[in-house]
Amino acid sequence: MTDCLFCKFVSGEIPVNPVYEDDSVLAFNDINPQAPVHFLVIPKIHFRNLTDAAESDPELVGSLLATGARIAKELGISDSGYRVVLNANEDAGQTVFHLHAHFLGKRKFLWPPG
């Protein structure tokens, strides 16, 4: 998708410093972090949101989450706890319409979120 920011990261058109990368996903630090540790994991294939990906490729959704959990462990936030956020569409706060999971840690989170 030519106008998608995250697709430009995947293609290399816009450089990004990966935290992790394999054949199916790319992980990188958030440019506007909301916690001391805040990284995103995105699929390399464009899906607009979780609903589209879950219907088309549920295994990829599992890989996206498992990759994030593995990175969280490597970054030392598994034991103290971390939050995973997946926004789907405008009312949920999605601003980049390419599926992505936020992994946040190293701070206390409240429930319900604000």
N, C-alpha and C. Protein backbone atom coordinates (compact mmCIF):
# COMPACT_ATOMS: atom_id res chain seq x y z
N MET A 1 0.85 -1.17 0.00
CA MET A 1 0.00 0.00 0.00
C MET A 1 0.90 1.24 0.00
N THR A 2 0.81 2.05 -0.99
CA THR A 2 1.78 3.12 -1.22
C THR A 2 1.67 4.28 -0.23
N ASP A 3 0.51 4.53 0.34
CA ASP A 3 0.37 5.68 1.24
C ASP A 3 0.43 5.28 2.72
N CYS A 4 0.76 4.06 3.02
CA CYS A 4 0.79 3.56 4.39
C CYS A 4 2.19 3.77 4.99
N LEU A 5 2.25 4.50 6.10
CA LEU A 5 3.51 4.77 6.77
C LEU A 5 4.24 3.49 7.15
N PHE A 6 3.53 2.53 7.74
CA PHE A 6 4.18 1.30 8.18
C PHE A 6 4.63 0.43 7.01
N CYS A 7 3.90 0.46 5.91
CA CYS A 7 4.35 -0.25 4.72
C CYS A 7 5.66 0.35 4.21
N LYS A 8 5.82 1.66 4.37
CA LYS A 8 7.07 2.32 3.97
C LYS A 8 8.21 1.91 4.88
N PHE A 9 7.93 1.64 6.16
CA PHE A 9 8.96 1.10 7.05
C PHE A 9 9.38 -0.30 6.58
N VAL A 10 8.38 -1.13 6.27
CA VAL A 10 8.65 -2.51 5.85
C VAL A 10 9.46 -2.53 4.56
N SER A 11 9.12 -1.67 3.62
CA SER A 11 9.80 -1.66 2.32
C SER A 11 11.19 -1.03 2.39
N GLY A 12 11.47 -0.29 3.46
CA GLY A 12 12.74 0.41 3.57
C GLY A 12 12.71 1.80 2.98
N GLU A 13 11.57 2.21 2.43
CA GLU A 13 11.44 3.55 1.88
C GLU A 13 11.68 4.61 2.97
N ILE A 14 11.20 4.33 4.17
CA ILE A 14 11.49 5.15 5.34
C ILE A 14 12.29 4.28 6.30
N PRO A 15 13.50 4.70 6.64
CA PRO A 15 14.33 3.88 7.53
C PRO A 15 13.75 3.81 8.94
N VAL A 16 13.92 2.66 9.55
CA VAL A 16 13.50 2.44 10.93
C VAL A 16 14.57 1.57 11.59
N ASN A 17 14.81 1.79 12.86
CA ASN A 17 15.76 0.95 13.59
C ASN A 17 14.99 -0.20 14.23
N PRO A 18 15.08 -1.38 13.66
CA PRO A 18 14.29 -2.49 14.19
C PRO A 18 14.78 -2.95 15.56
N VAL A 19 13.81 -3.26 16.41
CA VAL A 19 14.08 -3.97 17.66
C VAL A 19 14.19 -5.45 17.34
N TYR A 20 13.39 -5.87 16.33
CA TYR A 20 13.35 -7.27 15.89
C TYR A 20 12.77 -7.28 14.48
N GLU A 21 13.20 -8.25 13.68
CA GLU A 21 12.65 -8.42 12.34
C GLU A 21 12.84 -9.86 11.91
N ASP A 22 11.79 -10.40 11.28
CA ASP A 22 11.91 -11.70 10.62
C ASP A 22 11.11 -11.63 9.33
N ASP A 23 10.79 -12.76 8.73
CA ASP A 23 10.10 -12.77 7.44
C ASP A 23 8.68 -12.23 7.51
N SER A 24 8.04 -12.28 8.69
CA SER A 24 6.63 -11.90 8.76
C SER A 24 6.32 -10.66 9.59
N VAL A 25 7.21 -10.27 10.51
CA VAL A 25 6.93 -9.12 11.37
C VAL A 25 8.14 -8.20 11.51
N LEU A 26 7.85 -6.97 11.89
CA LEU A 26 8.87 -5.96 12.17
C LEU A 26 8.49 -5.30 13.49
N ALA A 27 9.46 -5.14 14.39
CA ALA A 27 9.23 -4.46 15.66
C ALA A 27 10.20 -3.28 15.78
N PHE A 28 9.69 -2.17 16.31
CA PHE A 28 10.50 -0.97 16.46
C PHE A 28 9.94 -0.14 17.60
N ASN A 29 10.76 0.75 18.14
CA ASN A 29 10.32 1.61 19.24
C ASN A 29 9.35 2.67 18.74
N ASP A 30 8.36 2.98 19.58
CA ASP A 30 7.37 4.01 19.26
C ASP A 30 8.05 5.38 19.24
N ILE A 31 7.70 6.22 18.27
CA ILE A 31 8.32 7.55 18.19
C ILE A 31 7.74 8.52 19.22
N ASN A 32 6.61 8.17 19.83
CA ASN A 32 5.99 8.99 20.87
C ASN A 32 5.67 8.08 22.06
N PRO A 33 6.71 7.61 22.76
CA PRO A 33 6.49 6.59 23.79
C PRO A 33 5.60 7.05 24.93
N GLN A 34 4.74 6.15 25.37
CA GLN A 34 3.83 6.41 26.48
C GLN A 34 4.26 5.67 27.74
N ALA A 35 5.42 5.07 27.69
CA ALA A 35 6.00 4.34 28.82
C ALA A 35 7.51 4.26 28.57
N PRO A 36 8.30 3.99 29.63
CA PRO A 36 9.74 3.86 29.43
C PRO A 36 10.12 2.82 28.38
N VAL A 37 9.36 1.74 28.30
CA VAL A 37 9.51 0.77 27.21
C VAL A 37 8.22 0.82 26.42
N HIS A 38 8.31 1.13 25.13
CA HIS A 38 7.13 1.20 24.27
C HIS A 38 7.56 0.88 22.84
N PHE A 39 7.23 -0.33 22.41
CA PHE A 39 7.57 -0.73 21.05
C PHE A 39 6.33 -1.24 20.34
N LEU A 40 6.39 -1.24 19.02
CA LEU A 40 5.30 -1.73 18.18
C LEU A 40 5.76 -2.98 17.46
N VAL A 41 4.83 -3.89 17.22
CA VAL A 41 5.07 -5.04 16.36
C VAL A 41 4.03 -4.97 15.26
N ILE A 42 4.50 -5.02 14.01
CA ILE A 42 3.60 -4.93 12.85
C ILE A 42 3.85 -6.12 11.93
N PRO A 43 2.80 -6.56 11.23
CA PRO A 43 3.03 -7.57 10.20
C PRO A 43 3.64 -6.90 8.97
N LYS A 44 4.43 -7.64 8.23
CA LYS A 44 5.00 -7.11 7.00
C LYS A 44 3.97 -7.06 5.87
N ILE A 45 2.92 -7.81 6.01
CA ILE A 45 1.81 -7.77 5.05
C ILE A 45 0.82 -6.72 5.56
N HIS A 46 0.29 -5.91 4.67
CA HIS A 46 -0.65 -4.87 5.09
C HIS A 46 -2.03 -5.45 5.41
N PHE A 47 -2.45 -5.21 6.63
CA PHE A 47 -3.83 -5.42 7.06
C PHE A 47 -4.25 -4.12 7.72
N ARG A 48 -5.43 -3.65 7.43
CA ARG A 48 -5.90 -2.38 7.99
C ARG A 48 -6.01 -2.42 9.51
N ASN A 49 -6.48 -3.55 10.04
CA ASN A 49 -6.69 -3.65 11.48
C ASN A 49 -6.76 -5.11 11.91
N LEU A 50 -6.99 -5.33 13.20
CA LEU A 50 -7.04 -6.67 13.74
C LEU A 50 -8.15 -7.51 13.12
N THR A 51 -9.30 -6.92 12.91
CA THR A 51 -10.42 -7.66 12.33
C THR A 51 -10.06 -8.23 10.97
N ASP A 52 -9.46 -7.41 10.12
CA ASP A 52 -9.08 -7.87 8.78
C ASP A 52 -8.03 -8.99 8.85
N ALA A 53 -7.04 -8.82 9.72
CA ALA A 53 -5.98 -9.83 9.84
C ALA A 53 -6.52 -11.13 10.42
N ALA A 54 -7.36 -11.03 11.45
CA ALA A 54 -7.89 -12.23 12.10
C ALA A 54 -8.74 -13.05 11.13
N GLU A 55 -9.46 -12.38 10.25
CA GLU A 55 -10.28 -13.09 9.27
C GLU A 55 -9.41 -13.72 8.19
N SER A 56 -8.33 -13.06 7.79
CA SER A 56 -7.51 -13.53 6.68
C SER A 56 -6.33 -14.41 7.09
N ASP A 57 -5.73 -14.12 8.24
CA ASP A 57 -4.49 -14.81 8.62
C ASP A 57 -4.35 -14.88 10.14
N PRO A 58 -5.19 -15.69 10.80
CA PRO A 58 -5.13 -15.75 12.27
C PRO A 58 -3.78 -16.21 12.80
N GLU A 59 -3.05 -17.01 12.04
CA GLU A 59 -1.72 -17.44 12.48
C GLU A 59 -0.76 -16.25 12.58
N LEU A 60 -0.89 -15.30 11.67
CA LEU A 60 -0.05 -14.11 11.70
C LEU A 60 -0.34 -13.29 12.96
N VAL A 61 -1.60 -13.19 13.35
CA VAL A 61 -1.97 -12.47 14.57
C VAL A 61 -1.29 -13.13 15.77
N GLY A 62 -1.30 -14.46 15.82
CA GLY A 62 -0.62 -15.17 16.89
C GLY A 62 0.87 -14.91 16.88
N SER A 63 1.47 -14.90 15.71
CA SER A 63 2.91 -14.63 15.58
C SER A 63 3.24 -13.22 16.04
N LEU A 64 2.40 -12.25 15.70
CA LEU A 64 2.60 -10.87 16.10
C LEU A 64 2.64 -10.77 17.63
N LEU A 65 1.68 -11.40 18.30
CA LEU A 65 1.63 -11.35 19.76
C LEU A 65 2.76 -12.15 20.41
N ALA A 66 3.06 -13.31 19.87
CA ALA A 66 4.15 -14.13 20.43
C ALA A 66 5.49 -13.42 20.28
N THR A 67 5.69 -12.76 19.17
CA THR A 67 6.93 -12.00 18.96
C THR A 67 7.04 -10.89 19.99
N GLY A 68 5.96 -10.16 20.19
CA GLY A 68 5.98 -9.08 21.18
C GLY A 68 6.26 -9.59 22.57
N ALA A 69 5.67 -10.73 22.93
CA ALA A 69 5.91 -11.32 24.26
C ALA A 69 7.38 -11.73 24.42
N ARG A 70 7.95 -12.26 23.37
CA ARG A 70 9.36 -12.67 23.40
C ARG A 70 10.26 -11.43 23.56
N ILE A 71 9.96 -10.36 22.84
CA ILE A 71 10.74 -9.13 22.96
C ILE A 71 10.58 -8.55 24.37
N ALA A 72 9.36 -8.58 24.89
CA ALA A 72 9.11 -8.07 26.25
C ALA A 72 9.96 -8.82 27.27
N LYS A 73 10.07 -10.10 27.09
CA LYS A 73 10.90 -10.90 28.00
C LYS A 73 12.37 -10.49 27.86
N GLU A 74 12.84 -10.35 26.62
CA GLU A 74 14.23 -9.95 26.37
C GLU A 74 14.54 -8.57 26.95
N LEU A 75 13.55 -7.67 26.95
CA LEU A 75 13.74 -6.32 27.45
C LEU A 75 13.52 -6.22 28.96
N GLY A 76 13.20 -7.33 29.59
CA GLY A 76 13.07 -7.37 31.04
C GLY A 76 11.79 -6.81 31.61
N ILE A 77 10.71 -6.79 30.82
CA ILE A 77 9.45 -6.27 31.35
C ILE A 77 8.41 -7.35 31.62
N SER A 78 8.75 -8.60 31.38
CA SER A 78 7.78 -9.68 31.58
C SER A 78 7.45 -9.90 33.05
N ASP A 79 8.45 -9.92 33.91
CA ASP A 79 8.21 -10.23 35.31
C ASP A 79 7.40 -9.14 36.02
N SER A 80 7.71 -7.89 35.76
CA SER A 80 6.98 -6.80 36.41
C SER A 80 5.63 -6.54 35.75
N GLY A 81 5.51 -6.87 34.48
CA GLY A 81 4.25 -6.71 33.76
C GLY A 81 4.34 -5.70 32.63
N TYR A 82 3.53 -5.93 31.62
CA TYR A 82 3.47 -5.03 30.48
C TYR A 82 2.06 -5.03 29.94
N ARG A 83 1.74 -4.02 29.16
CA ARG A 83 0.42 -3.90 28.56
C ARG A 83 0.55 -4.03 27.05
N VAL A 84 -0.43 -4.70 26.44
CA VAL A 84 -0.51 -4.83 24.99
C VAL A 84 -1.77 -4.10 24.55
N VAL A 85 -1.63 -3.21 23.56
CA VAL A 85 -2.77 -2.44 23.07
C VAL A 85 -2.88 -2.64 21.56
N LEU A 86 -4.09 -3.02 21.13
CA LEU A 86 -4.41 -3.12 19.71
C LEU A 86 -5.65 -2.26 19.47
N ASN A 87 -5.49 -1.16 18.77
CA ASN A 87 -6.61 -0.30 18.45
C ASN A 87 -7.16 -0.68 17.08
N ALA A 88 -8.47 -0.77 16.98
CA ALA A 88 -9.09 -1.13 15.70
C ALA A 88 -10.09 -0.05 15.30
N ASN A 89 -9.69 0.76 14.35
CA ASN A 89 -10.49 1.82 13.75
C ASN A 89 -10.55 3.08 14.60
N GLU A 90 -11.22 4.09 14.06
CA GLU A 90 -11.18 5.45 14.60
C GLU A 90 -11.66 5.55 16.04
N ASP A 91 -12.80 4.95 16.37
CA ASP A 91 -13.35 5.10 17.72
C ASP A 91 -12.44 4.52 18.78
N ALA A 92 -11.58 3.60 18.42
CA ALA A 92 -10.63 3.00 19.38
C ALA A 92 -9.34 3.80 19.46
N GLY A 93 -9.16 4.76 18.57
CA GLY A 93 -7.96 5.58 18.59
C GLY A 93 -6.91 5.19 17.58
N GLN A 94 -7.24 4.30 16.64
CA GLN A 94 -6.26 3.92 15.63
C GLN A 94 -6.01 5.12 14.72
N THR A 95 -4.73 5.46 14.54
CA THR A 95 -4.36 6.59 13.67
C THR A 95 -3.54 6.15 12.46
N VAL A 96 -2.83 5.04 12.57
CA VAL A 96 -2.13 4.47 11.43
C VAL A 96 -2.87 3.19 11.08
N PHE A 97 -3.44 3.15 9.88
CA PHE A 97 -4.31 2.04 9.51
C PHE A 97 -3.53 0.90 8.84
N HIS A 98 -2.64 0.36 9.65
CA HIS A 98 -1.87 -0.86 9.37
C HIS A 98 -1.82 -1.55 10.73
N LEU A 99 -2.28 -2.77 10.78
CA LEU A 99 -2.32 -3.49 12.05
C LEU A 99 -1.01 -3.33 12.81
N HIS A 100 -1.11 -3.00 14.09
CA HIS A 100 0.07 -2.92 14.95
C HIS A 100 -0.33 -3.12 16.40
N ALA A 101 0.55 -3.75 17.14
CA ALA A 101 0.35 -3.97 18.57
C ALA A 101 1.38 -3.14 19.32
N HIS A 102 0.89 -2.37 20.28
CA HIS A 102 1.76 -1.61 21.17
C HIS A 102 2.09 -2.49 22.37
N PHE A 103 3.35 -2.55 22.75
CA PHE A 103 3.79 -3.23 23.97
C PHE A 103 4.42 -2.16 24.85
N LEU A 104 3.87 -1.98 26.06
CA LEU A 104 4.32 -0.92 26.96
C LEU A 104 4.70 -1.51 28.31
N GLY A 105 5.79 -1.02 28.89
CA GLY A 105 6.21 -1.52 30.19
C GLY A 105 7.11 -0.57 30.94
N LYS A 106 7.49 -1.00 32.13
CA LYS A 106 8.35 -0.24 33.05
C LYS A 106 7.63 0.94 33.68
N ARG A 107 6.29 0.84 33.80
CA ARG A 107 5.52 1.80 34.58
C ARG A 107 4.22 1.14 35.00
N LYS A 108 3.55 1.71 35.99
CA LYS A 108 2.25 1.21 36.45
C LYS A 108 1.17 1.70 35.50
N PHE A 109 0.22 0.83 35.20
CA PHE A 109 -0.91 1.19 34.36
C PHE A 109 -2.19 1.11 35.20
N LEU A 110 -3.15 1.92 34.86
CA LEU A 110 -4.43 1.93 35.55
C LEU A 110 -5.47 1.15 34.75
N TRP A 111 -6.48 0.68 35.46
CA TRP A 111 -7.63 0.07 34.78
C TRP A 111 -8.89 0.60 35.42
N PRO A 112 -9.84 1.03 34.67
CA PRO A 112 -9.83 1.07 33.21
C PRO A 112 -8.94 2.20 32.70
N PRO A 113 -8.46 2.03 31.46
CA PRO A 113 -7.65 3.10 30.87
C PRO A 113 -8.51 4.35 30.66
N GLY A 114 -7.86 5.49 30.58
CA GLY A 114 -8.58 6.77 30.50
C GLY A 114 -9.28 7.04 29.26
